[in-house]
Protein backbone atom coordinates (compact mmCIF):
# COMPACT_ATOMS: atom_id res chain seq x y z
CA MET A 1 -2.71 -20.00 1.19
CA PRO A 2 -3.24 -17.35 -1.51
CA ALA A 3 -2.58 -13.64 -1.17
CA PHE A 4 -5.31 -11.55 0.42
CA ILE A 5 -6.06 -7.85 -0.16
CA LEU A 6 -6.72 -5.70 2.93
CA GLU A 7 -9.48 -3.47 1.57
CA LYS A 8 -9.05 -0.71 4.16
CA MET A 9 -5.42 -0.23 3.15
CA CYS A 10 -5.73 -0.65 -0.62
CA ARG A 11 -5.71 2.55 -2.69
CA GLY A 12 -6.63 0.86 -5.96
CA CYS A 13 -3.37 1.73 -7.73
CA LYS A 14 -3.45 -1.62 -9.60
CA HIS A 15 0.33 -2.16 -9.36
CA CYS A 16 -0.35 -5.65 -8.03
CA VAL A 17 -2.68 -6.43 -10.93
CA ASN A 18 -0.01 -5.48 -13.47
CA ALA A 19 2.78 -7.28 -11.58
CA CYS A 20 1.13 -10.66 -11.03
CA PRO A 21 2.94 -13.12 -13.31
CA VAL A 22 -0.05 -15.50 -13.45
CA GLN A 23 -2.82 -12.85 -13.69
CA ALA A 24 -4.33 -14.06 -10.40
CA ILE A 25 -5.35 -10.52 -9.42
CA THR A 26 -8.24 -8.76 -11.12
CA VAL A 27 -10.17 -5.58 -10.33
CA LEU A 28 -13.73 -5.86 -9.12
CA ALA A 29 -15.65 -2.78 -7.93
CA HIS A 30 -12.48 -0.66 -8.01
CA LEU A 31 -10.54 -3.04 -5.74
CA PRO A 32 -8.17 -5.88 -6.60
CA VAL A 33 -9.33 -9.43 -5.87
CA VAL A 34 -7.07 -12.48 -5.76
CA ASP A 35 -8.21 -15.68 -7.45
CA PRO A 36 -7.02 -18.39 -5.02
CA THR A 37 -7.02 -21.00 -7.76
CA LYS A 38 -4.45 -19.03 -9.78
CA CYS A 39 -2.26 -17.55 -7.00
CA THR A 40 1.14 -19.28 -6.80
CA GLU A 41 2.24 -17.39 -3.66
CA CYS A 42 5.23 -15.87 -5.47
CA GLU A 43 4.96 -12.72 -3.29
CA THR A 44 5.51 -10.35 -6.23
CA CYS A 45 2.35 -8.44 -5.32
CA ILE A 46 3.37 -8.15 -1.66
CA GLU A 47 6.80 -6.79 -2.54
CA LEU A 48 5.30 -4.28 -4.97
CA CYS A 49 2.46 -2.95 -2.80
CA MET A 50 3.67 0.31 -1.25
CA HIS A 51 0.58 0.49 0.96
CA GLY A 52 1.06 -2.85 2.72
CA ALA A 53 -2.39 -3.93 1.58
CA ILE A 54 -1.50 -7.51 0.62
CA THR A 55 -0.80 -10.41 2.96
CA PHE A 56 -0.89 -14.20 3.04
CA LYS A 57 -2.99 -14.41 6.19
CA ALA A 58 -6.24 -16.31 5.89
CA SER A 59 -9.23 -14.08 5.28
CA GLU A 60 -10.77 -15.09 8.62
CA GLU A 61 -7.65 -13.85 10.39
CA ASN A 62 -7.80 -10.55 8.49
CA LYS A 63 -11.44 -10.03 9.37
CA ALA A 64 -10.59 -10.66 13.02
CA MET A 65 -7.75 -8.13 13.00
CA ASP A 66 -8.41 -5.82 15.92
CA GLU A 67 -8.22 -2.04 15.84
CA HIS A 68 -4.92 -1.99 17.71
CA GLN A 69 -3.17 -4.06 15.04
CA TYR A 70 -4.71 -1.93 12.31
CA ASP A 71 -3.55 1.27 14.05
CA GLN A 72 -0.06 -0.18 14.44
CA GLU A 73 0.14 -1.03 10.73
CA LEU A 74 -1.06 2.45 9.78
CA ARG A 75 1.49 4.07 12.11
CA LEU A 76 4.31 1.97 10.66
CA GLN A 77 3.29 2.98 7.14
CA LEU A 78 3.07 6.61 8.22
CA ASP A 79 6.59 6.41 9.68
CA VAL A 80 7.92 5.07 6.37
CA VAL A 81 6.17 7.80 4.37
CA MET A 82 7.41 10.52 6.73
CA ALA A 83 10.98 9.20 6.51
CA LYS A 84 10.78 9.26 2.71
CA LEU A 85 9.47 12.84 2.81
CA VAL A 86 12.32 13.94 5.09
CA ASP A 87 14.84 12.23 2.81
CA LEU A 88 13.32 13.81 -0.29
CA LYS A 89 13.37 17.28 1.27
CA ALA A 90 17.01 16.76 2.29
CA ARG A 91 17.89 15.92 -1.33
CA TRP A 92 15.74 18.73 -2.74
CA PRO A 93 17.96 21.18 -4.62
CA ALA A 94 16.94 24.66 -3.54
CA HIS A 95 18.23 26.19 -6.76
CA SER A 96 16.54 23.81 -9.21
CA VAL A 97 13.22 22.03 -9.02
CA GLN A 98 13.05 18.70 -10.82
CA ALA A 99 9.70 17.43 -12.07
CA PHE A 100 10.12 13.88 -10.76
CA MET A 101 10.84 15.22 -7.27
CA VAL A 102 7.69 17.32 -7.33
CA CYS A 103 5.62 14.30 -8.34
CA GLU A 104 7.26 12.12 -5.70
CA ARG A 105 6.67 14.78 -3.01
CA GLU A 106 3.02 15.15 -4.01
CA ASP A 107 2.51 11.37 -3.93
CA LEU A 108 4.14 11.10 -0.51
CA GLU A 109 2.14 14.01 0.89
CA GLU A 110 -1.08 12.50 -0.46
CA GLU A 111 -0.22 9.14 1.14
CA ARG A 112 0.66 10.90 4.42
CA ASP A 113 -2.68 12.72 4.44
CA ARG A 114 -4.57 9.51 3.67
CA LEU A 115 -2.86 7.64 6.52
CA LEU A 116 -3.47 10.50 8.94
CA HIS A 117 -7.15 10.53 7.97
CA LEU A 118 -7.40 6.76 8.51
CA LEU A 119 -5.74 7.07 11.91
CA LYS A 120 -8.15 9.82 12.97
CA SER A 121 -11.17 7.80 11.87
CA THR A 122 -10.27 4.71 13.90
């Protein structure tokens, strides 16, 4: 069973597209699409996706995913993002700001805001 992209969770970062060793993932209408004839189920895309937007469930199962499961997945992702933010702030040197930490914080805050928005809209 090939990988499947959960459109509601995908942010279109294209990390999966670049990571796929057999080029089974392409972008169509700003979202990645998996070619089931090329996918070797190596799980590289799943491991790389920081948004949890890739799975090996059949597409029928994904379409049938109820709101409770979706909320649970969003809450788990939000917990991970919040933990990373807390860790980053704990490591943040008050006397010197490092550019990579600013970028990481901004990315995490953006992801946190996106997840909160998705949770409010469900």
